[in-house]
Protein backbone atom coordinates (compact mmCIF):
# COMPACT_ATOMS: atom_id res chain seq x y z
CA MET A 1 -92.46 50.69 10.78
CA SER A 2 -95.38 51.89 12.82
CA ARG A 3 -99.64 51.25 11.96
CA ILE A 4 -101.48 54.16 11.41
CA ILE A 5 -104.86 54.27 11.40
CA VAL A 6 -106.97 56.18 9.06
CA LEU A 7 -110.84 56.56 9.99
CA TYR A 8 -112.04 57.51 6.52
CA ALA A 9 -115.94 58.76 6.81
CA HIS A 10 -117.46 59.35 3.29
CA PRO A 11 -121.21 58.50 3.08
CA ASN A 12 -121.08 58.48 -0.50
CA PRO A 13 -117.28 57.49 -1.77
CA ARG A 14 -118.60 56.76 -5.35
CA ARG A 15 -119.37 59.99 -5.89
CA SER A 16 -116.37 61.33 -4.44
CA LYS A 17 -113.34 62.59 -6.68
CA VAL A 18 -110.74 64.01 -4.08
CA ASN A 19 -111.50 61.56 -0.99
CA ALA A 20 -111.42 58.34 -2.91
CA ARG A 21 -108.41 59.43 -4.69
CA LEU A 22 -106.49 60.39 -1.08
CA ILE A 23 -107.92 57.07 0.33
CA GLU A 24 -106.60 55.02 -2.66
CA ALA A 25 -103.08 56.41 -2.55
CA VAL A 26 -102.96 56.08 1.39
CA GLY A 27 -104.43 52.85 1.62
CA ARG A 28 -102.06 51.11 -0.59
CA MET A 29 -99.35 51.78 2.15
CA GLU A 30 -97.93 49.33 3.91
CA GLU A 31 -97.84 50.92 7.23
CA VAL A 32 -101.55 52.37 7.11
CA GLN A 33 -104.97 50.43 7.95
CA VAL A 34 -107.88 52.16 6.35
CA ARG A 35 -111.10 51.69 8.47
CA ASP A 36 -113.94 53.00 5.64
CA LEU A 37 -116.26 53.50 8.59
CA TYR A 38 -119.28 53.52 6.10
CA GLU A 39 -118.60 50.42 4.40
CA LEU A 40 -118.01 48.94 8.01
CA TYR A 41 -120.80 50.17 9.51
CA PRO A 42 -123.77 51.45 6.88
CA ASN A 43 -126.35 50.76 9.48
CA LEU A 44 -124.39 53.29 11.76
CA HIS A 45 -124.20 50.65 14.37
CA VAL A 46 -120.40 51.04 15.36
CA ASN A 47 -118.68 47.81 16.98
CA VAL A 48 -117.29 49.71 19.74
CA ALA A 49 -114.85 46.74 20.91
CA ALA A 50 -113.52 46.11 17.50
CA GLU A 51 -112.83 49.89 17.03
CA GLN A 52 -111.14 50.08 20.50
CA GLU A 53 -109.14 47.53 19.55
CA ALA A 54 -107.88 49.14 16.15
CA LEU A 55 -107.23 51.90 18.40
CA ARG A 56 -105.01 50.35 20.81
CA ASN A 57 -102.84 48.97 17.90
CA ALA A 58 -102.37 51.81 16.40
CA SER A 59 -99.49 54.26 16.42
CA ALA A 60 -101.16 57.35 15.05
CA VAL A 61 -104.78 58.00 14.35
CA VAL A 62 -106.04 60.21 11.18
CA MET A 63 -109.71 61.23 10.36
CA GLN A 64 -110.61 61.44 7.03
CA PHE A 65 -113.89 63.39 6.07
CA PRO A 66 -115.16 65.89 3.63
CA ILE A 67 -116.69 69.00 5.59
CA TYR A 68 -120.18 68.72 5.62
CA TRP A 69 -122.56 71.40 6.75
CA PHE A 70 -118.97 72.70 9.06
CA SER A 71 -118.56 69.32 10.48
CA ALA A 72 -117.87 65.91 9.40
CA PRO A 73 -120.49 63.24 8.56
CA ALA A 74 -122.91 61.80 10.94
CA LEU A 75 -121.29 58.55 11.32
CA LEU A 76 -117.94 60.14 12.15
CA LYS A 77 -119.95 61.95 15.27
CA GLU A 78 -121.30 58.67 16.19
CA TRP A 79 -117.98 56.57 15.96
CA GLN A 80 -116.79 59.65 18.42
CA ASP A 81 -119.85 59.62 20.90
CA THR A 82 -119.08 55.59 20.95
CA VAL A 83 -115.68 54.64 21.23
CA LEU A 84 -114.28 57.46 22.61
CA ALA A 85 -115.85 55.97 26.07
CA LYS A 86 -114.52 57.55 29.71
CA GLY A 87 -112.23 54.23 31.09
CA PHE A 88 -110.78 54.21 27.32
CA ALA A 89 -110.25 57.54 25.88
CA PHE A 90 -110.36 59.60 28.93
CA GLY A 91 -110.92 59.77 33.04
CA PRO A 92 -109.56 57.01 35.16
CA ASN A 93 -107.62 54.68 33.61
CA GLY A 94 -108.61 56.41 30.16
CA THR A 95 -104.89 56.29 28.92
CA GLU A 96 -105.42 54.02 25.57
CA LEU A 97 -104.86 57.31 23.26
CA ALA A 98 -102.81 59.52 25.28
CA GLY A 99 -99.52 60.32 23.70
CA LYS A 100 -100.54 58.94 20.25
CA PRO A 101 -100.30 61.68 17.41
CA PHE A 102 -103.40 62.60 15.70
CA MET A 103 -104.45 64.26 12.28
CA LEU A 104 -107.05 65.35 10.51
CA VAL A 105 -107.67 65.38 6.78
CA ALA A 106 -110.43 67.16 5.56
CA THR A 107 -111.65 68.42 2.27
CA THR A 108 -114.64 71.27 1.19
CA GLY A 109 -115.97 72.00 -1.92
CA GLY A 110 -115.64 75.66 -1.29
CA GLU A 111 -112.22 77.74 -2.07
CA GLU A 112 -109.87 78.62 0.86
CA SER A 113 -111.03 82.29 0.35
CA SER A 114 -114.56 81.67 1.19
CA TYR A 115 -113.59 80.13 4.71
CA ALA A 116 -113.05 83.68 6.05
CA GLU A 117 -114.58 86.11 8.64
CA GLY A 118 -117.48 88.33 6.40
CA LYS A 119 -117.06 85.47 3.54
CA ALA A 120 -119.46 82.90 2.66
CA HIS A 121 -118.82 80.30 5.15
CA GLY A 122 -118.49 82.73 8.14
CA ALA A 123 -114.86 81.83 9.63
CA GLU A 124 -111.52 80.65 8.90
CA ILE A 125 -111.47 76.61 8.58
CA GLY A 126 -109.82 75.90 11.30
CA ALA A 127 -112.73 77.10 13.48
CA TYR A 128 -115.03 74.01 12.23
CA LEU A 129 -111.89 71.42 12.82
CA LYS A 130 -111.60 72.92 16.55
CA PRO A 131 -113.93 70.35 18.09
CA PHE A 132 -111.93 67.47 16.66
CA GLU A 133 -108.67 68.91 17.97
CA GLN A 134 -110.12 69.52 21.13
CA THR A 135 -111.54 65.94 21.68
CA ALA A 136 -107.81 64.79 20.52
CA ARG A 137 -106.31 66.87 23.31
CA PHE A 138 -109.05 65.78 25.85
CA CYS A 139 -108.14 62.35 25.01
CA GLY A 140 -104.29 62.90 25.51
CA MET A 141 -103.12 62.84 22.02
CA LYS A 142 -100.57 64.95 20.03
CA LEU A 143 -102.07 67.28 17.24
CA VAL A 144 -100.36 67.11 14.01
CA GLU A 145 -100.81 69.98 11.53
CA PRO A 146 -104.09 68.98 9.33
CA LEU A 147 -104.33 68.15 5.60
CA VAL A 148 -107.16 70.57 3.99
CA VAL A 149 -108.03 70.18 0.66
CA HIS A 150 -110.05 73.27 -0.60
CA GLY A 151 -112.18 73.58 -3.43
CA ALA A 152 -112.51 69.82 -4.46
CA ASN A 153 -115.06 70.04 -7.29
CA SER A 154 -112.00 72.51 -9.04
CA LEU A 155 -109.21 70.54 -8.36
CA THR A 156 -107.17 69.15 -11.40
CA PRO A 157 -106.29 66.22 -11.82
CA LEU A 158 -102.62 67.12 -11.40
CA LEU A 159 -103.23 68.84 -8.51
CA LEU A 160 -104.95 65.95 -7.26
CA SER A 161 -102.26 63.95 -8.07
CA ASP A 162 -99.54 65.96 -5.69
CA LEU A 163 -101.82 66.36 -2.87
CA ALA A 164 -102.39 62.35 -2.91
CA GLU A 165 -98.37 62.12 -2.97
CA GLN A 166 -98.10 64.96 -0.04
CA TYR A 167 -100.66 62.70 1.98
CA GLN A 168 -98.81 59.74 1.54
CA GLU A 169 -95.52 61.90 2.73
CA ARG A 170 -96.97 63.12 5.36
CA LEU A 171 -98.03 59.81 6.76
CA GLN A 172 -94.42 58.19 5.92
CA ARG A 173 -93.07 60.45 8.33
CA LEU A 174 -95.63 59.90 11.15
CA ALA A 175 -94.52 56.17 10.70
CA LYS A 176 -90.97 57.07 11.27
CA LYS A 177 -91.82 59.10 13.90
CA GLU A 178 -90.80 62.02 12.00
CA THR A 179 -92.09 65.66 12.32
CA VAL A 180 -95.15 65.92 9.92
């Protein structure tokens, strides 16, 4: 089995219903290592060497976060800016992530229908995920279809349970290097 690293970035996990349930589900998986960025770095100072070592040892990378103001929480951006350095993730000799699968898991408070041209959020959710996908591409990673959970505040317990199971199944397939 492979080792999948899940970079979990939720600034207030105690108030989270959906992200907390999803991370709990995959955190129990033997092939998954959860790195709770806000727990590891409450002062927002990322340990670059530790994060790069975790990435070196990973067979796949997942970023899980709530969409805040059309992007990810601030610490995930700081993580990207410092960890994905030239010579490590891109540029000359920057091949540590090349060929590794990359998957986004994003949650929104808004319903899926509100993510469309002319609607409240102005564009489809894919438009807001593009910067993360392009970062992964730039680092030579292989994109895996994202898991997007819309309407987080209105999910029933049964639907949330189903989503957690889907997430686990996708990571199991990723660990076995199957199509996700």
